Amino acid sequence: MVDGLSVNCPASRCSAGPQQAPRIRNDIICNSLVLGSFITGEVNEGQHRGAIKNGSRAGPWVGYWSNGRVEFKGAFKNGQREGPCLWYNENDTKDENLSGIYRNYVKVFD
């Protein structure tokens, strides 16, 4: 698991065996796990969309509920929520308790 995102790295393609890591491309993930290097690339499937830089979320991200509706829209810097972040409940209503301005993953302003 890297930065809270997970996908399977199939044992057939990875000498490290089944692992959890963000899905960028299985060969990049497997090589990164085996060599211990940092992952950089795009997450563009499943319930998250965004970029990974040096193993951490970076830039704009969108998360989705299992029903396909948006769960959150926000930005990350060095793996931490940074700047405006909007959170939604499964019924598409804005979650006022979580939405706001974040600095280093901490909500600092509504």
Foldseek 3Di string as FASTA:
>chain_A
DFLPAFDWLDVVQAVVHTDTAAPFDSNQVRVCVVVVWFDWGWRDDDFKTATADRRAGAAWMWGADPVGHTAKIAGDDRNATAAFMWGADPVGHTDPVPTAGDDRNDHDGD
